[in-house]
Protein backbone atom coordinates (compact mmCIF):
# COMPACT_ATOMS: atom_id res chain seq x y z
CA UNK A 1 0.00 0.00 0.00
CA UNK A 2 1.30 3.46 -0.84
CA UNK A 3 2.27 5.89 1.87
CA UNK A 4 -0.43 8.46 2.46
CA UNK A 5 0.67 12.08 2.34
CA UNK A 6 -0.68 13.77 5.47
CA UNK A 7 -0.31 17.17 3.73
CA UNK A 8 -3.02 16.22 1.20
CA UNK A 9 -6.06 15.97 3.46
CA UNK A 10 -9.55 17.36 3.19
CA UNK A 11 -12.78 17.09 5.12
CA UNK A 12 -15.47 15.00 3.47
CA UNK A 13 -19.04 13.90 4.12
CA UNK A 14 -19.35 10.13 4.42
CA UNK A 15 -22.30 7.77 4.24
CA UNK A 16 -21.42 4.73 6.32
CA UNK A 17 -23.09 1.53 7.43
CA UNK A 18 -22.78 0.94 11.18
CA UNK A 19 -23.07 -2.41 12.93
CA UNK A 20 -22.75 -4.63 9.86
CA UNK A 21 -21.60 -8.22 10.56
CA UNK A 22 -18.01 -8.26 11.84
CA UNK A 23 -17.23 -4.69 10.69
CA UNK A 24 -18.71 -2.16 13.14
CA UNK A 25 -18.46 0.65 10.54
CA UNK A 26 -18.10 0.50 6.77
CA UNK A 27 -17.89 3.67 4.62
CA UNK A 28 -20.08 3.33 1.51
CA UNK A 29 -19.72 6.70 -0.22
CA UNK A 30 -18.06 10.06 0.38
CA UNK A 31 -18.37 13.53 -1.06
CA UNK A 32 -15.98 16.44 -1.19
CA UNK A 33 -17.52 19.89 -0.86
CA UNK A 34 -19.01 20.98 -4.17
CA UNK A 35 -18.35 17.66 -5.91
CA UNK A 36 -20.33 14.55 -6.80
CA UNK A 37 -20.65 11.58 -4.48
CA UNK A 38 -17.97 8.87 -4.88
CA UNK A 39 -18.66 5.19 -4.21
CA UNK A 40 -16.24 3.12 -2.16
CA UNK A 41 -15.45 0.05 -4.28
CA UNK A 42 -13.84 -2.04 -1.54
CA UNK A 43 -12.89 -1.80 2.13
CA UNK A 44 -9.31 -3.07 2.35
CA UNK A 45 -8.41 -2.67 6.02
CA UNK A 46 -9.53 -0.97 9.21
CA UNK A 47 -7.52 0.07 12.23
CA UNK A 48 -7.87 2.20 15.33
CA UNK A 49 -5.27 4.71 16.50
CA UNK A 50 -5.34 6.53 19.84
CA UNK A 51 -3.99 10.09 19.81
CA UNK A 52 -4.30 11.66 23.25
CA UNK A 53 -8.02 11.77 24.06
CA UNK A 54 -8.95 11.17 20.42
CA UNK A 55 -9.67 7.85 18.79
CA UNK A 56 -9.11 7.74 15.03
CA UNK A 57 -10.90 5.03 13.07
CA UNK A 58 -8.89 4.49 9.89
CA UNK A 59 -10.28 2.90 6.74
CA UNK A 60 -8.06 1.96 3.81
CA UNK A 61 -10.36 1.84 0.78
CA UNK A 62 -10.40 1.37 -2.98
CA UNK A 63 -12.21 3.79 -5.25
CA UNK A 64 -12.03 2.11 -8.63
CA UNK A 65 -8.35 1.17 -8.69
CA UNK A 66 -7.13 4.07 -6.55
CA UNK A 67 -6.18 3.45 -2.90
CA UNK A 68 -7.31 6.07 -0.42
CA UNK A 69 -7.70 6.44 3.31
CA UNK A 70 -10.63 7.78 5.30
CA UNK A 71 -10.23 8.73 8.96
CA UNK A 72 -13.08 9.20 11.41
CA UNK A 73 -12.35 11.38 14.45
CA UNK A 74 -14.40 10.14 17.41
CA UNK A 75 -14.16 13.45 19.30
CA UNK A 76 -15.44 15.96 16.72
CA UNK A 77 -17.20 13.30 14.57
CA UNK A 78 -15.46 14.48 11.40
CA UNK A 79 -14.25 12.48 8.40
CA UNK A 80 -10.98 13.25 6.61
CA UNK A 81 -9.85 11.93 3.22
CA UNK A 82 -6.15 11.25 2.68
CA UNK A 83 -5.41 10.66 -0.99
PDB file of N, CA and C in Angstrom:
ATOM      1  N   UNK A   1       0.839  -1.175   0.000  1.00  0.00           N
ATOM      2  CA  UNK A   1       0.000   0.000   0.000  1.00  0.00           C
ATOM      3  C   UNK A   1       0.883   1.236   0.000  1.00  0.00           C
ATOM      4  N   UNK A   2       0.489   2.251  -0.755  1.00  0.00           N
ATOM      5  CA  UNK A   2       1.304   3.456  -0.836  1.00  0.00           C
ATOM      6  C   UNK A   2       1.260   4.217   0.476  1.00  0.00           C
ATOM      7  N   UNK A   3       2.260   5.042   0.690  1.00  0.00           N
ATOM      8  CA  UNK A   3       2.271   5.892   1.867  1.00  0.00           C
ATOM      9  C   UNK A   3       1.334   7.063   1.619  1.00  0.00           C
ATOM     10  N   UNK A   4       0.531   7.381   2.607  1.00  0.00           N
ATOM     11  CA  UNK A   4      -0.428   8.460   2.458  1.00  0.00           C
ATOM     12  C   UNK A   4       0.211   9.760   2.897  1.00  0.00           C
ATOM     13  N   UNK A   5       0.091  10.781   2.072  1.00  0.00           N
ATOM     14  CA  UNK A   5       0.668  12.084   2.337  1.00  0.00           C
ATOM     15  C   UNK A   5      -0.263  12.855   3.259  1.00  0.00           C
ATOM     16  N   UNK A   6       0.153  13.071   4.486  1.00  0.00           N
ATOM     17  CA  UNK A   6      -0.676  13.773   5.470  1.00  0.00           C
ATOM     18  C   UNK A   6      -0.934  15.224   5.071  1.00  0.00           C
ATOM     19  N   UNK A   7      -0.114  15.792   4.157  1.00  0.00           N
ATOM     20  CA  UNK A   7      -0.310  17.172   3.726  1.00  0.00           C
ATOM     21  C   UNK A   7      -1.486  17.306   2.765  1.00  0.00           C
ATOM     22  N   UNK A   8      -1.948  16.205   2.199  1.00  0.00           N
ATOM     23  CA  UNK A   8      -3.016  16.222   1.205  1.00  0.00           C
ATOM     24  C   UNK A   8      -4.292  15.667   1.849  1.00  0.00           C
ATOM     25  N   UNK A   9      -4.856  16.420   2.774  1.00  0.00           N
ATOM     26  CA  UNK A   9      -6.063  15.972   3.464  1.00  0.00           C
ATOM     27  C   UNK A   9      -7.182  16.970   3.229  1.00  0.00           C
ATOM     28  N   UNK A  10      -8.398  16.465   3.267  1.00  0.00           N
ATOM     29  CA  UNK A  10      -9.548  17.357   3.191  1.00  0.00           C
ATOM     30  C   UNK A  10     -10.740  16.718   3.880  1.00  0.00           C
ATOM     31  N   UNK A  11     -11.569  17.559   4.447  1.00  0.00           N
ATOM     32  CA  UNK A  11     -12.779  17.095   5.121  1.00  0.00           C
ATOM     33  C   UNK A  11     -13.777  16.630   4.068  1.00  0.00           C
ATOM     34  N   UNK A  12     -14.470  15.543   4.376  1.00  0.00           N
ATOM     35  CA  UNK A  12     -15.471  15.004   3.469  1.00  0.00           C
ATOM     36  C   UNK A  12     -16.700  14.590   4.262  1.00  0.00           C
ATOM     37  N   UNK A  13     -17.815  14.476   3.552  1.00  0.00           N
ATOM     38  CA  UNK A  13     -19.037  13.903   4.123  1.00  0.00           C
ATOM     39  C   UNK A  13     -19.060  12.441   3.730  1.00  0.00           C
ATOM     40  N   UNK A  14     -19.375  11.569   4.680  1.00  0.00           N
ATOM     41  CA  UNK A  14     -19.348  10.133   4.423  1.00  0.00           C
ATOM     42  C   UNK A  14     -20.692   9.515   4.776  1.00  0.00           C
ATOM     43  N   UNK A  15     -21.155   8.613   3.904  1.00  0.00           N
ATOM     44  CA  UNK A  15     -22.299   7.775   4.241  1.00  0.00           C
ATOM     45  C   UNK A  15     -21.717   6.421   4.614  1.00  0.00           C
ATOM     46  N   UNK A  16     -22.006   5.973   5.829  1.00  0.00           N
ATOM     47  CA  UNK A  16     -21.419   4.728   6.318  1.00  0.00           C
ATOM     48  C   UNK A  16     -22.503   3.827   6.890  1.00  0.00           C
ATOM     49  N   UNK A  17     -22.209   2.546   6.867  1.00  0.00           N
ATOM     50  CA  UNK A  17     -23.091   1.528   7.434  1.00  0.00           C
ATOM     51  C   UNK A  17     -22.494   1.116   8.770  1.00  0.00           C
ATOM     52  N   UNK A  18     -23.260   1.274   9.840  1.00  0.00           N
ATOM     53  CA  UNK A  18     -22.779   0.943  11.175  1.00  0.00           C
ATOM     54  C   UNK A  18     -23.398  -0.361  11.649  1.00  0.00           C
ATOM     55  N   UNK A  19     -22.579  -1.169  12.329  1.00  0.00           N
ATOM     56  CA  UNK A  19     -23.068  -2.409  12.925  1.00  0.00           C
ATOM     57  C   UNK A  19     -23.357  -3.498  11.926  1.00  0.00           C
ATOM     58  N   UNK A  20     -22.529  -3.644  10.900  1.00  0.00           N
ATOM     59  CA  UNK A  20     -22.748  -4.629   9.856  1.00  0.00           C
ATOM     60  C   UNK A  20     -21.815  -5.811  10.051  1.00  0.00           C
ATOM     61  N   UNK A  21     -22.343  -6.973  10.366  1.00  0.00           N
ATOM     62  CA  UNK A  21     -21.599  -8.218  10.562  1.00  0.00           C
ATOM     63  C   UNK A  21     -20.396  -7.994  11.465  1.00  0.00           C
ATOM     64  N   UNK A  22     -19.208  -8.366  11.014  1.00  0.00           N
ATOM     65  CA  UNK A  22     -18.005  -8.261  11.841  1.00  0.00           C
ATOM     66  C   UNK A  22     -17.336  -6.887  11.735  1.00  0.00           C
ATOM     67  N   UNK A  23     -17.790  -6.031  10.846  1.00  0.00           N
ATOM     68  CA  UNK A  23     -17.233  -4.688  10.690  1.00  0.00           C
ATOM     69  C   UNK A  23     -18.192  -3.698  11.342  1.00  0.00           C
ATOM     70  N   UNK A  24     -17.791  -3.078  12.452  1.00  0.00           N
ATOM     71  CA  UNK A  24     -18.708  -2.162  13.139  1.00  0.00           C
ATOM     72  C   UNK A  24     -19.055  -0.911  12.336  1.00  0.00           C
ATOM     73  N   UNK A  25     -18.189  -0.509  11.399  1.00  0.00           N
ATOM     74  CA  UNK A  25     -18.462   0.646  10.541  1.00  0.00           C
ATOM     75  C   UNK A  25     -17.842   0.397   9.185  1.00  0.00           C
ATOM     76  N   UNK A  26     -18.613   0.675   8.132  1.00  0.00           N
ATOM     77  CA  UNK A  26     -18.103   0.503   6.770  1.00  0.00           C
ATOM     78  C   UNK A  26     -18.521   1.709   5.937  1.00  0.00           C
ATOM     79  N   UNK A  27     -17.549   2.537   5.485  1.00  0.00           N
ATOM     80  CA  UNK A  27     -17.890   3.666   4.617  1.00  0.00           C
ATOM     81  C   UNK A  27     -18.380   3.165   3.257  1.00  0.00           C
ATOM     82  N   UNK A  28     -19.488   3.731   2.786  1.00  0.00           N
ATOM     83  CA  UNK A  28     -20.083   3.328   1.511  1.00  0.00           C
ATOM     84  C   UNK A  28     -19.801   4.341   0.407  1.00  0.00           C
ATOM     85  N   UNK A  29     -19.972   5.621   0.730  1.00  0.00           N
ATOM     86  CA  UNK A  29     -19.722   6.696  -0.223  1.00  0.00           C
ATOM     87  C   UNK A  29     -19.137   7.891   0.530  1.00  0.00           C
ATOM     88  N   UNK A  30     -18.502   8.800  -0.215  1.00  0.00           N
ATOM     89  CA  UNK A  30     -18.056  10.063   0.376  1.00  0.00           C
ATOM     90  C   UNK A  30     -18.196  11.155  -0.670  1.00  0.00           C
ATOM     91  N   UNK A  31     -18.200  12.396  -0.170  1.00  0.00           N
ATOM     92  CA  UNK A  31     -18.368  13.533  -1.061  1.00  0.00           C
ATOM     93  C   UNK A  31     -17.528  14.697  -0.566  1.00  0.00           C
ATOM     94  N   UNK A  32     -16.714  15.224  -1.479  1.00  0.00           N
ATOM     95  CA  UNK A  32     -15.975  16.444  -1.194  1.00  0.00           C
ATOM     96  C   UNK A  32     -16.924  17.619  -1.411  1.00  0.00           C
ATOM     97  N   UNK A  33     -16.656  18.715  -0.738  1.00  0.00           N
ATOM     98  CA  UNK A  33     -17.523  19.887  -0.863  1.00  0.00           C
ATOM     99  C   UNK A  33     -17.582  20.357  -2.312  1.00  0.00           C
ATOM    100  N   UNK A  34     -18.803  20.492  -2.826  1.00  0.00           N
ATOM    101  CA  UNK A  34     -19.008  20.984  -4.174  1.00  0.00           C
ATOM    102  C   UNK A  34     -18.778  19.964  -5.273  1.00  0.00           C
ATOM    103  N   UNK A  35     -18.587  18.694  -4.908  1.00  0.00           N
ATOM    104  CA  UNK A  35     -18.347  17.658  -5.914  1.00  0.00           C
ATOM    105  C   UNK A  35     -19.383  16.545  -5.796  1.00  0.00           C
ATOM    106  N   UNK A  36     -19.388  15.666  -6.782  1.00  0.00           N
ATOM    107  CA  UNK A  36     -20.333  14.549  -6.798  1.00  0.00           C
ATOM    108  C   UNK A  36     -19.917  13.482  -5.784  1.00  0.00           C
ATOM    109  N   UNK A  37     -20.892  12.675  -5.409  1.00  0.00           N
ATOM    110  CA  UNK A  37     -20.654  11.576  -4.477  1.00  0.00           C
ATOM    111  C   UNK A  37     -19.801  10.487  -5.144  1.00  0.00           C
ATOM    112  N   UNK A  38     -18.886   9.901  -4.386  1.00  0.00           N
ATOM    113  CA  UNK A  38     -17.970   8.872  -4.880  1.00  0.00           C
ATOM    114  C   UNK A  38     -18.243   7.584  -4.116  1.00  0.00           C
ATOM    115  N   UNK A  39     -18.380   6.480  -4.840  1.00  0.00           N
ATOM    116  CA  UNK A  39     -18.661   5.193  -4.214  1.00  0.00           C
ATOM    117  C   UNK A  39     -17.369   4.481  -3.824  1.00  0.00           C
ATOM    118  N   UNK A  40     -17.359   3.926  -2.618  1.00  0.00           N
ATOM    119  CA  UNK A  40     -16.240   3.116  -2.156  1.00  0.00           C
ATOM    120  C   UNK A  40     -16.390   1.739  -2.793  1.00  0.00           C
ATOM    121  N   UNK A  41     -15.395   1.330  -3.580  1.00  0.00           N
ATOM    122  CA  UNK A  41     -15.448   0.054  -4.281  1.00  0.00           C
ATOM    123  C   UNK A  41     -15.196  -1.110  -3.330  1.00  0.00           C
ATOM    124  N   UNK A  42     -14.201  -0.943  -2.442  1.00  0.00           N
ATOM    125  CA  UNK A  42     -13.841  -2.038  -1.540  1.00  0.00           C
ATOM    126  C   UNK A  42     -13.197  -1.490  -0.270  1.00  0.00           C
ATOM    127  N   UNK A  43     -13.540  -2.101   0.859  1.00  0.00           N
ATOM    128  CA  UNK A  43     -12.894  -1.798   2.129  1.00  0.00           C
ATOM    129  C   UNK A  43     -11.728  -2.771   2.279  1.00  0.00           C
ATOM    130  N   UNK A  44     -10.500  -2.227   2.316  1.00  0.00           N
ATOM    131  CA  UNK A  44      -9.309  -3.067   2.351  1.00  0.00           C
ATOM    132  C   UNK A  44      -8.900  -3.436   3.782  1.00  0.00           C
ATOM    133  N   UNK A  45      -8.895  -2.440   4.668  1.00  0.00           N
ATOM    134  CA  UNK A  45      -8.410  -2.675   6.022  1.00  0.00           C
ATOM    135  C   UNK A  45      -8.944  -1.596   6.944  1.00  0.00           C
ATOM    136  N   UNK A  46      -9.144  -1.947   8.192  1.00  0.00           N
ATOM    137  CA  UNK A  46      -9.527  -0.972   9.208  1.00  0.00           C
ATOM    138  C   UNK A  46      -8.544  -1.062  10.364  1.00  0.00           C
ATOM    139  N   UNK A  47      -8.350   0.049  11.034  1.00  0.00           N
ATOM    140  CA  UNK A  47      -7.521   0.067  12.232  1.00  0.00           C
ATOM    141  C   UNK A  47      -7.959   1.217  13.119  1.00  0.00           C
ATOM    142  N   UNK A  48      -7.553   1.148  14.361  1.00  0.00           N
ATOM    143  CA  UNK A  48      -7.867   2.202  15.326  1.00  0.00           C
ATOM    144  C   UNK A  48      -6.551   2.743  15.868  1.00  0.00           C
ATOM    145  N   UNK A  49      -6.461   4.057  15.956  1.00  0.00           N
ATOM    146  CA  UNK A  49      -5.266   4.709  16.496  1.00  0.00           C
ATOM    147  C   UNK A  49      -5.715   5.676  17.588  1.00  0.00           C
ATOM    148  N   UNK A  50      -5.037   5.642  18.729  1.00  0.00           N
ATOM    149  CA  UNK A  50      -5.339   6.528  19.844  1.00  0.00           C
ATOM    150  C   UNK A  50      -4.324   7.664  19.860  1.00  0.00           C
ATOM    151  N   UNK A  51      -4.831   8.896  19.804  1.00  0.00           N
ATOM    152  CA  UNK A  51      -3.989  10.087  19.811  1.00  0.00           C
ATOM    153  C   UNK A  51      -4.486  10.981  20.937  1.00  0.00           C
ATOM    154  N   UNK A  52      -3.837  10.912  22.083  1.00  0.00           N
ATOM    155  CA  UNK A  52      -4.304  11.655  23.254  1.00  0.00           C
ATOM    156  C   UNK A  52      -5.694  11.176  23.644  1.00  0.00           C
ATOM    157  N   UNK A  53      -6.642  12.102  23.723  1.00  0.00           N
ATOM    158  CA  UNK A  53      -8.022  11.767  24.064  1.00  0.00           C
ATOM    159  C   UNK A  53      -8.846  11.363  22.845  1.00  0.00           C
ATOM    160  N   UNK A  54      -8.239  11.440  21.670  1.00  0.00           N
ATOM    161  CA  UNK A  54      -8.948  11.172  20.419  1.00  0.00           C
ATOM    162  C   UNK A  54      -8.722   9.745  19.945  1.00  0.00           C
ATOM    163  N   UNK A  55      -9.776   9.143  19.452  1.00  0.00           N
ATOM    164  CA  UNK A  55      -9.667   7.848  18.789  1.00  0.00           C
ATOM    165  C   UNK A  55      -9.922   8.075  17.306  1.00  0.00           C
ATOM    166  N   UNK A  56      -8.960   7.656  16.473  1.00  0.00           N
ATOM    167  CA  UNK A  56      -9.110   7.745  15.028  1.00  0.00           C
ATOM    168  C   UNK A  56      -9.432   6.359  14.485  1.00  0.00           C
ATOM    169  N   UNK A  57     -10.531   6.265  13.755  1.00  0.00           N
ATOM    170  CA  UNK A  57     -10.903   5.026  13.072  1.00  0.00           C
ATOM    171  C   UNK A  57     -10.446   5.198  11.630  1.00  0.00           C
ATOM    172  N   UNK A  58      -9.549   4.334  11.189  1.00  0.00           N
ATOM    173  CA  UNK A  58      -8.885   4.490   9.892  1.00  0.00           C
ATOM    174  C   UNK A  58      -9.355   3.393   8.944  1.00  0.00           C
ATOM    175  N   UNK A  59      -9.755   3.809   7.753  1.00  0.00           N
ATOM    176  CA  UNK A  59     -10.278   2.898   6.742  1.00  0.00           C
ATOM    177  C   UNK A  59      -9.459   3.038   5.470  1.00  0.00           C
ATOM    178  N   UNK A  60      -8.741   1.994   5.094  1.00  0.00           N
ATOM    179  CA  UNK A  60      -8.055   1.955   3.808  1.00  0.00           C
ATOM    180  C   UNK A  60      -9.057   1.408   2.799  1.00  0.00           C
ATOM    181  N   UNK A  61      -9.294   2.172   1.730  1.00  0.00           N
ATOM    182  CA  UNK A  61     -10.357   1.837   0.779  1.00  0.00           C
ATOM    183  C   UNK A  61      -9.838   1.866  -0.651  1.00  0.00           C
ATOM    184  N   UNK A  62     -10.613   1.260  -1.540  1.00  0.00           N
ATOM    185  CA  UNK A  62     -10.401   1.371  -2.977  1.00  0.00           C
ATOM    186  C   UNK A  62     -11.559   2.149  -3.567  1.00  0.00           C
ATOM    187  N   UNK A  63     -11.222   3.078  -4.448  1.00  0.00           N
ATOM    188  CA  UNK A  63     -12.209   3.794  -5.254  1.00  0.00           C
ATOM    189  C   UNK A  63     -11.791   3.529  -6.685  1.00  0.00           C
ATOM    190  N   UNK A  64     -12.497   2.605  -7.333  1.00  0.00           N
ATOM    191  CA  UNK A  64     -12.032   2.115  -8.628  1.00  0.00           C
ATOM    192  C   UNK A  64     -10.767   1.323  -8.396  1.00  0.00           C
ATOM    193  N   UNK A  65      -9.651   1.819  -8.929  1.00  0.00           N
ATOM    194  CA  UNK A  65      -8.349   1.169  -8.693  1.00  0.00           C
ATOM    195  C   UNK A  65      -7.433   2.014  -7.817  1.00  0.00           C
ATOM    196  N   UNK A  66      -7.941   3.147  -7.342  1.00  0.00           N
ATOM    197  CA  UNK A  66      -7.131   4.065  -6.548  1.00  0.00           C
ATOM    198  C   UNK A  66      -7.295   3.787  -5.058  1.00  0.00           C
ATOM    199  N   UNK A  67      -6.161   3.662  -4.347  1.00  0.00           N
ATOM    200  CA  UNK A  67      -6.179   3.447  -2.902  1.00  0.00           C
ATOM    201  C   UNK A  67      -6.255   4.790  -2.204  1.00  0.00           C
ATOM    202  N   UNK A  68      -7.126   4.858  -1.213  1.00  0.00           N
ATOM    203  CA  UNK A  68      -7.307   6.074  -0.421  1.00  0.00           C
ATOM    204  C   UNK A  68      -7.480   5.673   1.031  1.00  0.00           C
ATOM    205  N   UNK A  69      -7.484   6.683   1.887  1.00  0.00           N
ATOM    206  CA  UNK A  69      -7.701   6.435   3.310  1.00  0.00           C
ATOM    207  C   UNK A  69      -8.712   7.446   3.841  1.00  0.00           C
ATOM    208  N   UNK A  70      -9.683   6.939   4.590  1.00  0.00           N
ATOM    209  CA  UNK A  70     -10.631   7.777   5.305  1.00  0.00           C
ATOM    210  C   UNK A  70     -10.358   7.635   6.796  1.00  0.00           C
ATOM    211  N   UNK A  71     -10.388   8.752   7.506  1.00  0.00           N
ATOM    212  CA  UNK A  71     -10.231   8.729   8.956  1.00  0.00           C
ATOM    213  C   UNK A  71     -11.445   9.364   9.605  1.00  0.00           C
ATOM    214  N   UNK A  72     -11.964   8.675  10.631  1.00  0.00           N
ATOM    215  CA  UNK A  72     -13.082   9.198  11.408  1.00  0.00           C
ATOM    216  C   UNK A  72     -12.572   9.592  12.778  1.00  0.00           C
ATOM    217  N   UNK A  73     -12.763  10.859  13.156  1.00  0.00           N
ATOM    218  CA  UNK A  73     -12.346  11.382  14.449  1.00  0.00           C
ATOM    219  C   UNK A  73     -13.509  11.228  15.423  1.00  0.00           C
ATOM    220  N   UNK A  74     -13.306  10.444  16.480  1.00  0.00           N
ATOM    221  CA  UNK A  74     -14.396  10.140  17.405  1.00  0.00           C
ATOM    222  C   UNK A  74     -14.740  11.304  18.340  1.00  0.00           C
ATOM    223  N   UNK A  75     -13.887  12.325  18.426  1.00  0.00           N
ATOM    224  CA  UNK A  75     -14.159  13.451  19.297  1.00  0.00           C
ATOM    225  C   UNK A  75     -15.042  14.489  18.600  1.00  0.00           C
ATOM    226  N   UNK A  76     -14.631  14.935  17.407  1.00  0.00           N
ATOM    227  CA  UNK A  76     -15.436  15.961  16.724  1.00  0.00           C
ATOM    228  C   UNK A  76     -16.336  15.367  15.626  1.00  0.00           C
ATOM    229  N   UNK A  77     -16.326  14.041  15.514  1.00  0.00           N
ATOM    230  CA  UNK A  77     -17.199  13.300  14.571  1.00  0.00           C
ATOM    231  C   UNK A  77     -16.990  13.737  13.126  1.00  0.00           C
ATOM    232  N   UNK A  78     -15.752  14.055  12.774  1.00  0.00           N
ATOM    233  CA  UNK A  78     -15.456  14.483  11.404  1.00  0.00           C
ATOM    234  C   UNK A  78     -14.751  13.379  10.640  1.00  0.00           C
ATOM    235  N   UNK A  79     -14.914  13.404   9.321  1.00  0.00           N
ATOM    236  CA  UNK A  79     -14.251  12.482   8.403  1.00  0.00           C
ATOM    237  C   UNK A  79     -13.229  13.259   7.592  1.00  0.00           C
ATOM    238  N   UNK A  80     -12.047  12.647   7.399  1.00  0.00           N
ATOM    239  CA  UNK A  80     -10.980  13.250   6.606  1.00  0.00           C
ATOM    240  C   UNK A  80     -10.545  12.265   5.545  1.00  0.00           C
ATOM    241  N   UNK A  81     -10.347  12.744   4.325  1.00  0.00           N
ATOM    242  CA  UNK A  81      -9.852  11.926   3.225  1.00  0.00           C
ATOM    243  C   UNK A  81      -8.374  12.218   3.035  1.00  0.00           C
ATOM    244  N   UNK A  82      -7.572  11.141   2.994  1.00  0.00           N
ATOM    245  CA  UNK A  82      -6.146  11.245   2.683  1.00  0.00           C
ATOM    246  C   UNK A  82      -5.954  10.535   1.362  1.00  0.00           C
ATOM    247  N   UNK A  83      -5.543  11.270   0.345  1.00  0.00           N
ATOM    248  CA  UNK A  83      -5.414  10.665  -0.993  1.00  0.00           C
ATOM    249  C   UNK A  83      -3.991  10.749  -1.488  1.00  0.00           C
TER     250      UNK A  83
END
